[in-house]
Amino acid sequence: MATLPVAPPDGEADKEKRSASRRLAAIAQSVMDTLGKPIDFLKATVRPVTGDNFRVNVVIGPNAGSARIAESFFVTADADGKVTNSIPAIQKCY
């Protein structure tokens, strides 16, 4: 029985995924640098909305079972993950 050739992994797709992950991490870091770190900080999540627009949620709680969203922002970011606009404005809170 003949075996079909296996295509090599798509390096370009992997590169794009890594680039997108770095951008999301940079957006989260940018928001947290401005906001400060709240007590019981668990994580900051970044979700793409459209184009250069993202939703950033700051999740707090003593553990994952009692987590809640303490802060939430709609942000616009450049290709490097630098936040250029935010609704509401991000202010130092912690």
PDB file of N, CA and C in Angstrom:
ATOM      1  N   MET A   1       0.839  -1.160   0.000  1.00  0.00           N
ATOM      2  CA  MET A   1       0.000   0.000   0.000  1.00  0.00           C
ATOM      3  C   MET A   1       0.895   1.237   0.000  1.00  0.00           C
ATOM      4  N   ALA A   2       0.596   2.163  -0.870  1.00  0.00           N
ATOM      5  CA  ALA A   2       1.383   3.395  -0.990  1.00  0.00           C
ATOM      6  C   ALA A   2       0.968   4.385   0.094  1.00  0.00           C
ATOM      7  N   THR A   3       1.936   5.096   0.606  1.00  0.00           N
ATOM      8  CA  THR A   3       1.617   6.127   1.594  1.00  0.00           C
ATOM      9  C   THR A   3       1.641   7.488   0.927  1.00  0.00           C
ATOM     10  N   LEU A   4       0.778   8.347   1.378  1.00  0.00           N
ATOM     11  CA  LEU A   4       0.721   9.694   0.837  1.00  0.00           C
ATOM     12  C   LEU A   4       1.788  10.548   1.496  1.00  0.00           C
ATOM     13  N   PRO A   5       2.381  11.445   0.722  1.00  0.00           N
ATOM     14  CA  PRO A   5       3.388  12.324   1.320  1.00  0.00           C
ATOM     15  C   PRO A   5       2.724  13.273   2.330  1.00  0.00           C
ATOM     16  N   VAL A   6       3.458  13.576   3.363  1.00  0.00           N
ATOM     17  CA  VAL A   6       2.962  14.490   4.392  1.00  0.00           C
ATOM     18  C   VAL A   6       3.566  15.858   4.137  1.00  0.00           C
ATOM     19  N   ALA A   7       2.720  16.871   4.119  1.00  0.00           N
ATOM     20  CA  ALA A   7       3.193  18.234   3.881  1.00  0.00           C
ATOM     21  C   ALA A   7       3.937  18.720   5.124  1.00  0.00           C
ATOM     22  N   PRO A   8       5.010  19.452   4.912  1.00  0.00           N
ATOM     23  CA  PRO A   8       5.738  19.988   6.071  1.00  0.00           C
ATOM     24  C   PRO A   8       4.872  21.020   6.800  1.00  0.00           C
ATOM     25  N   PRO A   9       5.132  21.230   8.079  1.00  0.00           N
ATOM     26  CA  PRO A   9       4.338  22.222   8.818  1.00  0.00           C
ATOM     27  C   PRO A   9       4.453  23.595   8.176  1.00  0.00           C
ATOM     28  N   ASP A  10       3.371  24.324   8.245  1.00  0.00           N
ATOM     29  CA  ASP A  10       3.334  25.652   7.643  1.00  0.00           C
ATOM     30  C   ASP A  10       4.023  26.644   8.573  1.00  0.00           C
ATOM     31  N   GLY A  11       5.275  26.922   8.311  1.00  0.00           N
ATOM     32  CA  GLY A  11       6.067  27.824   9.141  1.00  0.00           C
ATOM     33  C   GLY A  11       5.516  29.232   9.149  1.00  0.00           C
ATOM     34  N   GLU A  12       4.957  29.657   8.047  1.00  0.00           N
ATOM     35  CA  GLU A  12       4.410  31.022   7.959  1.00  0.00           C
ATOM     36  C   GLU A  12       3.208  31.183   8.884  1.00  0.00           C
ATOM     37  N   ALA A  13       2.340  30.174   8.949  1.00  0.00           N
ATOM     38  CA  ALA A  13       1.174  30.238   9.837  1.00  0.00           C
ATOM     39  C   ALA A  13       1.618  30.262  11.300  1.00  0.00           C
ATOM     40  N   ASP A  14       2.633  29.465  11.637  1.00  0.00           N
ATOM     41  CA  ASP A  14       3.162  29.465  13.002  1.00  0.00           C
ATOM     42  C   ASP A  14       3.743  30.825  13.358  1.00  0.00           C
ATOM     43  N   LYS A  15       4.426  31.423  12.408  1.00  0.00           N
ATOM     44  CA  LYS A  15       5.028  32.736  12.634  1.00  0.00           C
ATOM     45  C   LYS A  15       3.942  33.784  12.895  1.00  0.00           C
ATOM     46  N   GLU A  16       2.849  33.720  12.134  1.00  0.00           N
ATOM     47  CA  GLU A  16       1.742  34.658  12.321  1.00  0.00           C
ATOM     48  C   GLU A  16       1.068  34.465  13.679  1.00  0.00           C
ATOM     49  N   LYS A  17       0.912  33.203  14.116  1.00  0.00           N
ATOM     50  CA  LYS A  17       0.315  32.935  15.421  1.00  0.00           C
ATOM     51  C   LYS A  17       1.187  33.477  16.548  1.00  0.00           C
ATOM     52  N   ARG A  18       2.497  33.290  16.430  1.00  0.00           N
ATOM     53  CA  ARG A  18       3.410  33.811  17.447  1.00  0.00           C
ATOM     54  C   ARG A  18       3.364  35.333  17.485  1.00  0.00           C
ATOM     55  N   SER A  19       3.303  35.947  16.318  1.00  0.00           N
ATOM     56  CA  SER A  19       3.236  37.405  16.238  1.00  0.00           C
ATOM     57  C   SER A  19       1.944  37.922  16.874  1.00  0.00           C
ATOM     58  N   ALA A  20       0.833  37.257  16.606  1.00  0.00           N
ATOM     59  CA  ALA A  20      -0.451  37.655  17.187  1.00  0.00           C
ATOM     60  C   ALA A  20      -0.432  37.473  18.701  1.00  0.00           C
ATOM     61  N   SER A  21       0.157  36.399  19.174  1.00  0.00           N
ATOM     62  CA  SER A  21       0.251  36.155  20.620  1.00  0.00           C
ATOM     63  C   SER A  21       1.099  37.220  21.300  1.00  0.00           C
ATOM     64  N   ARG A  22       2.212  37.596  20.654  1.00  0.00           N
ATOM     65  CA  ARG A  22       3.058  38.650  21.215  1.00  0.00           C
ATOM     66  C   ARG A  22       2.307  39.977  21.269  1.00  0.00           C
ATOM     67  N   ARG A  23       1.511  40.254  20.240  1.00  0.00           N
ATOM     68  CA  ARG A  23       0.742  41.501  20.209  1.00  0.00           C
ATOM     69  C   ARG A  23      -0.273  41.528  21.347  1.00  0.00           C
ATOM     70  N   LEU A  24      -0.999  40.430  21.570  1.00  0.00           N
ATOM     71  CA  LEU A  24      -1.980  40.373  22.650  1.00  0.00           C
ATOM     72  C   LEU A  24      -1.305  40.526  24.008  1.00  0.00           C
ATOM     73  N   ALA A  25      -0.155  39.887  24.181  1.00  0.00           N
ATOM     74  CA  ALA A  25       0.586  40.005  25.439  1.00  0.00           C
ATOM     75  C   ALA A  25       1.056  41.446  25.656  1.00  0.00           C
ATOM     76  N   ALA A  26       1.486  42.103  24.588  1.00  0.00           N
ATOM     77  CA  ALA A  26       1.943  43.492  24.694  1.00  0.00           C
ATOM     78  C   ALA A  26       0.777  44.421  25.052  1.00  0.00           C
ATOM     79  N   ILE A  27      -0.400  44.155  24.522  1.00  0.00           N
ATOM     80  CA  ILE A  27      -1.585  44.957  24.849  1.00  0.00           C
ATOM     81  C   ILE A  27      -1.924  44.786  26.327  1.00  0.00           C
ATOM     82  N   ALA A  28      -1.939  43.550  26.805  1.00  0.00           N
ATOM     83  CA  ALA A  28      -2.230  43.298  28.221  1.00  0.00           C
ATOM     84  C   ALA A  28      -1.207  43.992  29.106  1.00  0.00           C
ATOM     85  N   GLN A  29       0.069  43.901  28.745  1.00  0.00           N
ATOM     86  CA  GLN A  29       1.122  44.523  29.541  1.00  0.00           C
ATOM     87  C   GLN A  29       0.978  46.043  29.547  1.00  0.00           C
ATOM     88  N   SER A  30       0.632  46.619  28.402  1.00  0.00           N
ATOM     89  CA  SER A  30       0.449  48.060  28.299  1.00  0.00           C
ATOM     90  C   SER A  30      -0.684  48.535  29.206  1.00  0.00           C
ATOM     91  N   VAL A  31      -1.791  47.809  29.201  1.00  0.00           N
ATOM     92  CA  VAL A  31      -2.931  48.173  30.052  1.00  0.00           C
ATOM     93  C   VAL A  31      -2.539  48.055  31.525  1.00  0.00           C
ATOM     94  N   MET A  32      -1.882  46.962  31.902  1.00  0.00           N
ATOM     95  CA  MET A  32      -1.518  46.746  33.302  1.00  0.00           C
ATOM     96  C   MET A  32      -0.463  47.742  33.768  1.00  0.00           C
ATOM     97  N   ASP A  33       0.447  48.144  32.895  1.00  0.00           N
ATOM     98  CA  ASP A  33       1.447  49.145  33.265  1.00  0.00           C
ATOM     99  C   ASP A  33       0.786  50.473  33.616  1.00  0.00           C
ATOM    100  N   THR A  34      -0.253  50.830  32.879  1.00  0.00           N
ATOM    101  CA  THR A  34      -0.963  52.081  33.132  1.00  0.00           C
ATOM    102  C   THR A  34      -1.896  51.960  34.337  1.00  0.00           C
ATOM    103  N   LEU A  35      -2.620  50.870  34.418  1.00  0.00           N
ATOM    104  CA  LEU A  35      -3.626  50.662  35.455  1.00  0.00           C
ATOM    105  C   LEU A  35      -3.014  50.385  36.832  1.00  0.00           C
ATOM    106  N   GLY A  36      -1.959  49.612  36.856  1.00  0.00           N
ATOM    107  CA  GLY A  36      -1.400  49.134  38.117  1.00  0.00           C
ATOM    108  C   GLY A  36      -1.914  47.726  38.379  1.00  0.00           C
ATOM    109  N   LYS A  37      -1.359  47.070  39.396  1.00  0.00           N
ATOM    110  CA  LYS A  37      -1.743  45.685  39.688  1.00  0.00           C
ATOM    111  C   LYS A  37      -2.686  45.643  40.891  1.00  0.00           C
ATOM    112  N   PRO A  38      -3.948  45.218  40.674  1.00  0.00           N
ATOM    113  CA  PRO A  38      -4.899  45.151  41.779  1.00  0.00           C
ATOM    114  C   PRO A  38      -4.568  44.005  42.747  1.00  0.00           C
ATOM    115  N   ILE A  39      -5.087  44.127  43.966  1.00  0.00           N
ATOM    116  CA  ILE A  39      -4.957  43.039  44.934  1.00  0.00           C
ATOM    117  C   ILE A  39      -5.730  41.837  44.393  1.00  0.00           C
ATOM    118  N   ASP A  40      -5.231  40.656  44.610  1.00  0.00           N
ATOM    119  CA  ASP A  40      -5.840  39.402  44.138  1.00  0.00           C
ATOM    120  C   ASP A  40      -5.886  39.306  42.611  1.00  0.00           C
ATOM    121  N   PHE A  41      -4.937  39.950  41.931  1.00  0.00           N
ATOM    122  CA  PHE A  41      -4.871  39.894  40.471  1.00  0.00           C
ATOM    123  C   PHE A  41      -4.688  38.450  40.011  1.00  0.00           C
ATOM    124  N   LEU A  42      -5.517  38.015  39.066  1.00  0.00           N
ATOM    125  CA  LEU A  42      -5.380  36.678  38.482  1.00  0.00           C
ATOM    126  C   LEU A  42      -4.803  36.745  37.075  1.00  0.00           C
ATOM    127  N   LYS A  43      -5.435  37.559  36.208  1.00  0.00           N
ATOM    128  CA  LYS A  43      -4.953  37.662  34.832  1.00  0.00           C
ATOM    129  C   LYS A  43      -5.620  38.825  34.121  1.00  0.00           C
ATOM    130  N   ALA A  44      -5.037  39.180  32.995  1.00  0.00           N
ATOM    131  CA  ALA A  44      -5.648  40.149  32.085  1.00  0.00           C
ATOM    132  C   ALA A  44      -5.887  39.405  30.778  1.00  0.00           C
ATOM    133  N   THR A  45      -7.121  39.416  30.316  1.00  0.00           N
ATOM    134  CA  THR A  45      -7.434  38.740  29.061  1.00  0.00           C
ATOM    135  C   THR A  45      -7.617  39.775  27.958  1.00  0.00           C
ATOM    136  N   VAL A  46      -7.157  39.435  26.764  1.00  0.00           N
ATOM    137  CA  VAL A  46      -7.289  40.320  25.606  1.00  0.00           C
ATOM    138  C   VAL A  46      -7.951  39.516  24.502  1.00  0.00           C
ATOM    139  N   ARG A  47      -9.040  40.034  23.991  1.00  0.00           N
ATOM    140  CA  ARG A  47      -9.777  39.367  22.915  1.00  0.00           C
ATOM    141  C   ARG A  47      -9.919  40.318  21.733  1.00  0.00           C
ATOM    142  N   PRO A  48      -9.592  39.852  20.530  1.00  0.00           N
ATOM    143  CA  PRO A  48      -9.792  40.695  19.352  1.00  0.00           C
ATOM    144  C   PRO A  48     -11.281  40.934  19.115  1.00  0.00           C
ATOM    145  N   VAL A  49     -11.625  42.158  18.727  1.00  0.00           N
ATOM    146  CA  VAL A  49     -13.006  42.496  18.393  1.00  0.00           C
ATOM    147  C   VAL A  49     -13.102  42.657  16.877  1.00  0.00           C
ATOM    148  N   THR A  50     -12.472  43.695  16.356  1.00  0.00           N
ATOM    149  CA  THR A  50     -12.383  43.887  14.906  1.00  0.00           C
ATOM    150  C   THR A  50     -11.097  44.635  14.597  1.00  0.00           C
ATOM    151  N   GLY A  51     -10.412  44.250  13.566  1.00  0.00           N
ATOM    152  CA  GLY A  51      -9.212  44.960  13.140  1.00  0.00           C
ATOM    153  C   GLY A  51      -8.234  45.205  14.272  1.00  0.00           C
ATOM    154  N   ASP A  52      -8.022  46.478  14.600  1.00  0.00           N
ATOM    155  CA  ASP A  52      -7.090  46.872  15.661  1.00  0.00           C
ATOM    156  C   ASP A  52      -7.804  47.145  16.984  1.00  0.00           C
ATOM    157  N   ASN A  53      -9.040  46.676  17.132  1.00  0.00           N
ATOM    158  CA  ASN A  53      -9.824  46.896  18.347  1.00  0.00           C
ATOM    159  C   ASN A  53      -9.880  45.620  19.186  1.00  0.00           C
ATOM    160  N   PHE A  54      -9.741  45.788  20.511  1.00  0.00           N
ATOM    161  CA  PHE A  54      -9.667  44.652  21.416  1.00  0.00           C
ATOM    162  C   PHE A  54     -10.468  44.927  22.676  1.00  0.00           C
ATOM    163  N   ARG A  55     -10.892  43.863  23.339  1.00  0.00           N
ATOM    164  CA  ARG A  55     -11.533  43.947  24.652  1.00  0.00           C
ATOM    165  C   ARG A  55     -10.526  43.415  25.657  1.00  0.00           C
ATOM    166  N   VAL A  56     -10.235  44.203  26.694  1.00  0.00           N
ATOM    167  CA  VAL A  56      -9.306  43.797  27.739  1.00  0.00           C
ATOM    168  C   VAL A  56     -10.074  43.725  29.051  1.00  0.00           C
ATOM    169  N   ASN A  57     -10.035  42.566  29.700  1.00  0.00           N
ATOM    170  CA  ASN A  57     -10.668  42.374  31.002  1.00  0.00           C
ATOM    171  C   ASN A  57      -9.585  42.075  32.026  1.00  0.00           C
ATOM    172  N   VAL A  58      -9.660  42.735  33.168  1.00  0.00           N
ATOM    173  CA  VAL A  58      -8.743  42.486  34.276  1.00  0.00           C
ATOM    174  C   VAL A  58      -9.512  41.647  35.289  1.00  0.00           C
ATOM    175  N   VAL A  59      -9.032  40.424  35.503  1.00  0.00           N
ATOM    176  CA  VAL A  59      -9.726  39.456  36.344  1.00  0.00           C
ATOM    177  C   VAL A  59      -9.030  39.370  37.704  1.00  0.00           C
ATOM    178  N   ILE A  60      -9.834  39.463  38.777  1.00  0.00           N
ATOM    179  CA  ILE A  60      -9.290  39.367  40.138  1.00  0.00           C
ATOM    180  C   ILE A  60     -10.066  38.335  40.934  1.00  0.00           C
ATOM    181  N   GLY A  61      -9.497  37.943  42.055  1.00  0.00           N
ATOM    182  CA  GLY A  61     -10.154  37.030  42.978  1.00  0.00           C
ATOM    183  C   GLY A  61      -9.121  36.223  43.728  1.00  0.00           C
ATOM    184  N   PRO A  62      -9.501  35.682  44.880  1.00  0.00           N
ATOM    185  CA  PRO A  62      -8.549  34.893  45.651  1.00  0.00           C
ATOM    186  C   PRO A  62      -8.188  33.577  44.959  1.00  0.00           C
ATOM    187  N   ASN A  63      -9.075  33.084  44.082  1.00  0.00           N
ATOM    188  CA  ASN A  63      -8.801  31.873  43.292  1.00  0.00           C
ATOM    189  C   ASN A  63      -9.696  31.883  42.062  1.00  0.00           C
ATOM    190  N   ALA A  64      -9.452  30.950  41.166  1.00  0.00           N
ATOM    191  CA  ALA A  64     -10.199  30.924  39.903  1.00  0.00           C
ATOM    192  C   ALA A  64     -11.693  30.678  40.113  1.00  0.00           C
ATOM    193  N   GLY A  65     -12.048  29.985  41.174  1.00  0.00           N
ATOM    194  CA  GLY A  65     -13.457  29.690  41.448  1.00  0.00           C
ATOM    195  C   GLY A  65     -14.273  30.904  41.849  1.00  0.00           C
ATOM    196  N   SER A  66     -13.612  31.928  42.343  1.00  0.00           N
ATOM    197  CA  SER A  66     -14.336  33.131  42.758  1.00  0.00           C
ATOM    198  C   SER A  66     -13.864  34.358  41.977  1.00  0.00           C
ATOM    199  N   ALA A  67     -13.392  34.140  40.769  1.00  0.00           N
ATOM    200  CA  ALA A  67     -12.877  35.224  39.930  1.00  0.00           C
ATOM    201  C   ALA A  67     -14.010  36.139  39.475  1.00  0.00           C
ATOM    202  N   ARG A  68     -13.640  37.418  39.301  1.00  0.00           N
ATOM    203  CA  ARG A  68     -14.593  38.386  38.742  1.00  0.00           C
ATOM    204  C   ARG A  68     -13.811  39.417  37.934  1.00  0.00           C
ATOM    205  N   ILE A  69     -14.511  40.078  37.037  1.00  0.00           N
ATOM    206  CA  ILE A  69     -13.886  41.117  36.217  1.00  0.00           C
ATOM    207  C   ILE A  69     -13.934  42.421  36.999  1.00  0.00           C
ATOM    208  N   ALA A  70     -12.751  42.948  37.318  1.00  0.00           N
ATOM    209  CA  ALA A  70     -12.662  44.191  38.080  1.00  0.00           C
ATOM    210  C   ALA A  70     -12.673  45.408  37.173  1.00  0.00           C
ATOM    211  N   GLU A  71     -12.042  45.293  36.027  1.00  0.00           N
ATOM    212  CA  GLU A  71     -11.938  46.403  35.069  1.00  0.00           C
ATOM    213  C   GLU A  71     -12.126  45.833  33.672  1.00  0.00           C
ATOM    214  N   SER A  72     -12.697  46.625  32.774  1.00  0.00           N
ATOM    215  CA  SER A  72     -12.893  46.198  31.401  1.00  0.00           C
ATOM    216  C   SER A  72     -12.734  47.402  30.480  1.00  0.00           C
ATOM    217  N   PHE A  73     -12.014  47.212  29.391  1.00  0.00           N
ATOM    218  CA  PHE A  73     -11.724  48.302  28.464  1.00  0.00           C
ATOM    219  C   PHE A  73     -11.870  47.831  27.021  1.00  0.00           C
ATOM    220  N   PHE A  74     -12.360  48.716  26.165  1.00  0.00           N
ATOM    221  CA  PHE A  74     -12.260  48.537  24.729  1.00  0.00           C
ATOM    222  C   PHE A  74     -11.062  49.373  24.308  1.00  0.00           C
ATOM    223  N   VAL A  75     -10.063  48.753  23.690  1.00  0.00           N
ATOM    224  CA  VAL A  75      -8.857  49.479  23.323  1.00  0.00           C
ATOM    225  C   VAL A  75      -8.571  49.338  21.840  1.00  0.00           C
ATOM    226  N   THR A  76      -7.837  50.314  21.328  1.00  0.00           N
ATOM    227  CA  THR A  76      -7.289  50.259  19.979  1.00  0.00           C
ATOM    228  C   THR A  76      -5.781  50.189  20.152  1.00  0.00           C
ATOM    229  N   ALA A  77      -5.129  49.313  19.396  1.00  0.00           N
ATOM    230  CA  ALA A  77      -3.688  49.139  19.545  1.00  0.00           C
ATOM    231  C   ALA A  77      -3.022  49.075  18.182  1.00  0.00           C
ATOM    232  N   ASP A  78      -1.761  49.510  18.144  1.00  0.00           N
ATOM    233  CA  ASP A  78      -1.005  49.433  16.894  1.00  0.00           C
ATOM    234  C   ASP A  78      -0.449  48.015  16.709  1.00  0.00           C
ATOM    235  N   ALA A  79       0.300  47.808  15.651  1.00  0.00           N
ATOM    236  CA  ALA A  79       0.819  46.484  15.317  1.00  0.00           C
ATOM    237  C   ALA A  79       1.777  45.940  16.366  1.00  0.00           C
ATOM    238  N   ASP A  80       2.405  46.832  17.141  1.00  0.00           N
ATOM    239  CA  ASP A  80       3.340  46.406  18.182  1.00  0.00           C
ATOM    240  C   ASP A  80       2.653  46.152  19.518  1.00  0.00           C
ATOM    241  N   GLY A  81       1.350  46.410  19.603  1.00  0.00           N
ATOM    242  CA  GLY A  81       0.613  46.192  20.833  1.00  0.00           C
ATOM    243  C   GLY A  81       0.537  47.400  21.735  1.00  0.00           C
ATOM    244  N   LYS A  82       0.978  48.545  21.255  1.00  0.00           N
ATOM    245  CA  LYS A  82       0.890  49.773  22.046  1.00  0.00           C
ATOM    246  C   LYS A  82      -0.545  50.300  21.975  1.00  0.00           C
ATOM    247  N   VAL A  83      -1.149  50.527  23.136  1.00  0.00           N
ATOM    248  CA  VAL A  83      -2.535  51.013  23.198  1.00  0.00           C
ATOM    249  C   VAL A  83      -2.553  52.473  22.763  1.00  0.00           C
ATOM    250  N   THR A  84      -3.370  52.774  21.759  1.00  0.00           N
ATOM    251  CA  THR A  84      -3.467  54.137  21.235  1.00  0.00           C
ATOM    252  C   THR A  84      -4.746  54.845  21.672  1.00  0.00           C
ATOM    253  N   ASN A  85      -5.758  54.071  22.076  1.00  0.00           N
ATOM    254  CA  ASN A  85      -7.017  54.656  22.531  1.00  0.00           C
ATOM    255  C   ASN A  85      -7.709  53.654  23.438  1.00  0.00           C
ATOM    256  N   SER A  86      -8.500  54.145  24.393  1.00  0.00           N
ATOM    257  CA  SER A  86      -9.207  53.255  25.309  1.00  0.00           C
ATOM    258  C   SER A  86     -10.526  53.878  25.722  1.00  0.00           C
ATOM    259  N   ILE A  87     -11.550  53.038  25.800  1.00  0.00           N
ATOM    260  CA  ILE A  87     -12.859  53.455  26.309  1.00  0.00           C
ATOM    261  C   ILE A  87     -13.233  52.461  27.393  1.00  0.00           C
ATOM    262  N   PRO A  88     -13.402  52.871  28.632  1.00  0.00           N
ATOM    263  CA  PRO A  88     -13.063  54.168  29.192  1.00  0.00           C
ATOM    264  C   PRO A  88     -11.549  54.372  29.232  1.00  0.00           C
ATOM    265  N   ALA A  89     -11.156  55.585  29.510  1.00  0.00           N
ATOM    266  CA  ALA A  89      -9.721  55.887  29.592  1.00  0.00           C
ATOM    267  C   ALA A  89      -9.097  55.072  30.731  1.00  0.00           C
ATOM    268  N   ILE A  90      -7.899  54.575  30.495  1.00  0.00           N
ATOM    269  CA  ILE A  90      -7.193  53.792  31.515  1.00  0.00           C
ATOM    270  C   ILE A  90      -6.455  54.767  32.425  1.00  0.00           C
ATOM    271  N   GLN A  91      -6.758  54.686  33.712  1.00  0.00           N
ATOM    272  CA  GLN A  91      -6.119  55.550  34.704  1.00  0.00           C
ATOM    273  C   GLN A  91      -5.484  54.693  35.776  1.00  0.00           C
ATOM    274  N   LYS A  92      -4.441  55.208  36.378  1.00  0.00           N
ATOM    275  CA  LYS A  92      -3.769  54.496  37.468  1.00  0.00           C
ATOM    276  C   LYS A  92      -4.746  54.335  38.612  1.00  0.00           C
ATOM    277  N   CYS A  93      -5.089  53.098  38.957  1.00  0.00           N
ATOM    278  CA  CYS A  93      -6.044  52.811  40.030  1.00  0.00           C
ATOM    279  C   CYS A  93      -5.413  52.046  41.179  1.00  0.00           C
ATOM    280  N   TYR A  94      -4.348  51.333  40.889  1.00  0.00           N
ATOM    281  CA  TYR A  94      -3.774  50.442  41.904  1.00  0.00           C
ATOM    282  C   TYR A  94      -2.303  50.726  42.103  1.00  0.00           C
TER     283      TYR A  94
END
